[in-house]
Amino acid sequence: MTTDSPAWVPESCTLPSRQQPLRLAEFDNLFATSLLAQQRLSPTELLWRLDPAAEAAARDLVGRESSCCSFFSFTLAADTHTLRLDVRVPAAHVDVLDALAQRAAAGMTA
């Protein structure tokens, strides 16, 4: 991790540090435009409910994120009126999930 990276981005992330702010901006945009609700299911699991219209963008984003941060587990499923996105991390990366949860909460209120 370089000084340009947020402190919570782990060393195991293979996304080049200069691209990390762009990826965070993509998550921020998803949160601001499509996140309907967020629920912390456990310290290592987070549930996001998204607008179903965001499915293609969400699939693309979490697919790319999985390729550089293999510790993430993302599961997308259509729900009754929302798109359910389950996010899991191993216990060693709870701080990363915490940071994403904070960004999501901020995006919902923006």
C-alpha atoms as a PDB file:
ATOM      1  CA  MET A   1       0.000   0.000   0.000  1.00  0.00           C
ATOM      2  CA  THR A   2       1.257   3.465  -0.798  1.00  0.00           C
ATOM      3  CA  THR A   3       0.525   6.750   0.898  1.00  0.00           C
ATOM      4  CA  ASP A   4      -2.083   7.402  -1.828  1.00  0.00           C
ATOM      5  CA  SER A   5      -4.133   4.417  -0.649  1.00  0.00           C
ATOM      6  CA  PRO A   6      -6.733   4.651   2.102  1.00  0.00           C
ATOM      7  CA  ALA A   7      -5.281   3.201   5.308  1.00  0.00           C
ATOM      8  CA  TRP A   8      -7.760   0.326   5.292  1.00  0.00           C
ATOM      9  CA  VAL A   9      -6.823  -0.978   1.825  1.00  0.00           C
ATOM     10  CA  PRO A  10      -4.888  -4.182   2.573  1.00  0.00           C
ATOM     11  CA  GLU A  11      -1.504  -5.048   1.111  1.00  0.00           C
ATOM     12  CA  SER A  12      -3.121  -8.050  -0.583  1.00  0.00           C
ATOM     13  CA  CYS A  13      -5.111  -5.743  -2.893  1.00  0.00           C
ATOM     14  CA  THR A  14      -3.538  -6.008  -6.338  1.00  0.00           C
ATOM     15  CA  LEU A  15      -5.314  -2.983  -7.816  1.00  0.00           C
ATOM     16  CA  PRO A  16      -2.615  -0.389  -8.579  1.00  0.00           C
ATOM     17  CA  SER A  17      -2.708   2.344  -5.955  1.00  0.00           C
ATOM     18  CA  ARG A  18      -3.333   5.058  -8.563  1.00  0.00           C
ATOM     19  CA  GLN A  19      -6.544   3.230  -9.592  1.00  0.00           C
ATOM     20  CA  GLN A  20      -7.843   2.735  -6.042  1.00  0.00           C
ATOM     21  CA  PRO A  21      -9.474   6.200  -5.771  1.00  0.00           C
ATOM     22  CA  LEU A  22     -11.291   5.537  -9.059  1.00  0.00           C
ATOM     23  CA  ARG A  23     -12.609   2.198  -7.757  1.00  0.00           C
ATOM     24  CA  LEU A  24     -13.749   3.839  -4.528  1.00  0.00           C
ATOM     25  CA  ALA A  25     -15.541   6.475  -6.603  1.00  0.00           C
ATOM     26  CA  GLU A  26     -17.354   3.680  -8.457  1.00  0.00           C
ATOM     27  CA  PHE A  27     -18.532   2.207  -5.156  1.00  0.00           C
ATOM     28  CA  ASP A  28     -19.516   5.678  -3.928  1.00  0.00           C
ATOM     29  CA  ASN A  29     -21.546   6.207  -7.097  1.00  0.00           C
ATOM     30  CA  LEU A  30     -23.280   2.841  -6.686  1.00  0.00           C
ATOM     31  CA  PHE A  31     -24.123   3.719  -3.085  1.00  0.00           C
ATOM     32  CA  ALA A  32     -25.376   7.211  -3.948  1.00  0.00           C
ATOM     33  CA  THR A  33     -27.517   6.141  -6.898  1.00  0.00           C
ATOM     34  CA  SER A  34     -28.692   2.628  -6.097  1.00  0.00           C
ATOM     35  CA  LEU A  35     -28.264   1.648  -2.445  1.00  0.00           C
ATOM     36  CA  LEU A  36     -31.645   1.348  -0.772  1.00  0.00           C
ATOM     37  CA  ALA A  37     -30.647  -0.292   2.523  1.00  0.00           C
ATOM     38  CA  GLN A  38     -27.699  -1.758   4.342  1.00  0.00           C
ATOM     39  CA  GLN A  39     -27.658  -4.327   7.125  1.00  0.00           C
ATOM     40  CA  ARG A  40     -24.707  -5.757   9.040  1.00  0.00           C
ATOM     41  CA  LEU A  41     -25.446  -9.466   9.411  1.00  0.00           C
ATOM     42  CA  SER A  42     -22.259 -10.293  11.316  1.00  0.00           C
ATOM     43  CA  PRO A  43     -18.789  -8.794  11.766  1.00  0.00           C
ATOM     44  CA  THR A  44     -17.742 -10.461   8.506  1.00  0.00           C
ATOM     45  CA  GLU A  45     -20.957 -10.121   6.476  1.00  0.00           C
ATOM     46  CA  LEU A  46     -22.836  -7.149   5.092  1.00  0.00           C
ATOM     47  CA  LEU A  47     -26.063  -7.042   3.105  1.00  0.00           C
ATOM     48  CA  TRP A  48     -26.788  -4.287   0.635  1.00  0.00           C
ATOM     49  CA  ARG A  49     -30.182  -3.916  -1.012  1.00  0.00           C
ATOM     50  CA  LEU A  50     -29.861  -2.162  -4.345  1.00  0.00           C
ATOM     51  CA  ASP A  51     -32.200  -0.837  -6.975  1.00  0.00           C
ATOM     52  CA  PRO A  52     -32.645  -3.717  -9.450  1.00  0.00           C
ATOM     53  CA  ALA A  53     -31.779  -1.346 -12.315  1.00  0.00           C
ATOM     54  CA  ALA A  54     -28.189  -1.348 -11.010  1.00  0.00           C
ATOM     55  CA  GLU A  55     -27.677  -5.074 -11.556  1.00  0.00           C
ATOM     56  CA  ALA A  56     -25.363  -4.855 -14.575  1.00  0.00           C
ATOM     57  CA  ALA A  57     -23.221  -2.132 -13.001  1.00  0.00           C
ATOM     58  CA  ALA A  58     -23.097  -3.957  -9.649  1.00  0.00           C
ATOM     59  CA  ARG A  59     -22.110  -7.261 -11.296  1.00  0.00           C
ATOM     60  CA  ASP A  60     -19.357  -5.567 -13.255  1.00  0.00           C
ATOM     61  CA  LEU A  61     -18.036  -3.679 -10.226  1.00  0.00           C
ATOM     62  CA  VAL A  62     -17.975  -6.628  -7.810  1.00  0.00           C
ATOM     63  CA  GLY A  63     -16.488  -8.851 -10.514  1.00  0.00           C
ATOM     64  CA  ARG A  64     -13.597  -6.459 -10.969  1.00  0.00           C
ATOM     65  CA  GLU A  65     -13.219  -6.000  -7.221  1.00  0.00           C
ATOM     66  CA  SER A  66     -13.076  -9.781  -6.695  1.00  0.00           C
ATOM     67  CA  SER A  67     -10.241 -10.031  -9.189  1.00  0.00           C
ATOM     68  CA  CYS A  68      -7.971  -7.641  -7.280  1.00  0.00           C
ATOM     69  CA  CYS A  69      -9.128  -8.371  -3.727  1.00  0.00           C
ATOM     70  CA  SER A  70      -9.703 -12.108  -3.693  1.00  0.00           C
ATOM     71  CA  PHE A  71     -10.614 -12.112  -0.003  1.00  0.00           C
ATOM     72  CA  PHE A  72     -14.029 -10.637  -0.876  1.00  0.00           C
ATOM     73  CA  SER A  73     -17.007 -12.882  -1.479  1.00  0.00           C
ATOM     74  CA  PHE A  74     -19.874 -11.167  -3.300  1.00  0.00           C
ATOM     75  CA  THR A  75     -23.225 -12.829  -3.967  1.00  0.00           C
ATOM     76  CA  LEU A  76     -25.895 -11.092  -6.055  1.00  0.00           C
ATOM     77  CA  ALA A  77     -29.494 -12.296  -6.095  1.00  0.00           C
ATOM     78  CA  ALA A  78     -32.780 -10.786  -7.165  1.00  0.00           C
ATOM     79  CA  ASP A  79     -35.160 -10.305  -4.265  1.00  0.00           C
ATOM     80  CA  THR A  80     -38.839  -9.346  -4.333  1.00  0.00           C
ATOM     81  CA  HIS A  81     -38.294  -5.660  -5.125  1.00  0.00           C
ATOM     82  CA  THR A  82     -34.551  -5.237  -4.752  1.00  0.00           C
ATOM     83  CA  LEU A  83     -31.235  -6.649  -5.785  1.00  0.00           C
ATOM     84  CA  ARG A  84     -29.575  -8.334  -2.810  1.00  0.00           C
ATOM     85  CA  LEU A  85     -25.796  -8.067  -2.609  1.00  0.00           C
ATOM     86  CA  ASP A  86     -24.156 -10.083   0.160  1.00  0.00           C
ATOM     87  CA  VAL A  87     -20.568  -9.108   0.932  1.00  0.00           C
ATOM     88  CA  ARG A  88     -18.353 -11.372   3.038  1.00  0.00           C
ATOM     89  CA  VAL A  89     -14.754 -11.140   4.160  1.00  0.00           C
ATOM     90  CA  PRO A  90     -12.568 -13.309   6.384  1.00  0.00           C
ATOM     91  CA  ALA A  91     -12.092 -12.071   9.952  1.00  0.00           C
ATOM     92  CA  ALA A  92      -8.662 -10.685   9.061  1.00  0.00           C
ATOM     93  CA  HIS A  93     -10.339  -8.131   6.743  1.00  0.00           C
ATOM     94  CA  VAL A  94     -13.216  -6.891   8.895  1.00  0.00           C
ATOM     95  CA  ASP A  95     -11.660  -3.400   8.818  1.00  0.00           C
ATOM     96  CA  VAL A  96     -12.134  -3.310   5.033  1.00  0.00           C
ATOM     97  CA  LEU A  97     -15.795  -4.287   5.405  1.00  0.00           C
ATOM     98  CA  ASP A  98     -16.201  -1.661   8.139  1.00  0.00           C
ATOM     99  CA  ALA A  99     -14.805   1.011   5.826  1.00  0.00           C
ATOM    100  CA  LEU A 100     -17.120   0.005   2.977  1.00  0.00           C
ATOM    101  CA  ALA A 101     -20.102   0.021   5.342  1.00  0.00           C
ATOM    102  CA  GLN A 102     -19.209   3.562   6.439  1.00  0.00           C
ATOM    103  CA  ARG A 103     -18.866   4.712   2.822  1.00  0.00           C
ATOM    104  CA  ALA A 104     -22.196   3.094   1.957  1.00  0.00           C
ATOM    105  CA  ALA A 105     -23.953   4.786   4.876  1.00  0.00           C
ATOM    106  CA  ALA A 106     -22.495   8.140   3.867  1.00  0.00           C
ATOM    107  CA  GLY A 107     -23.578   7.573   0.263  1.00  0.00           C
ATOM    108  CA  MET A 108     -27.146   6.813   1.270  1.00  0.00           C
ATOM    109  CA  THR A 109     -27.440  10.085   3.193  1.00  0.00           C
ATOM    110  CA  ALA A 110     -25.726  12.254   0.591  1.00  0.00           C
END
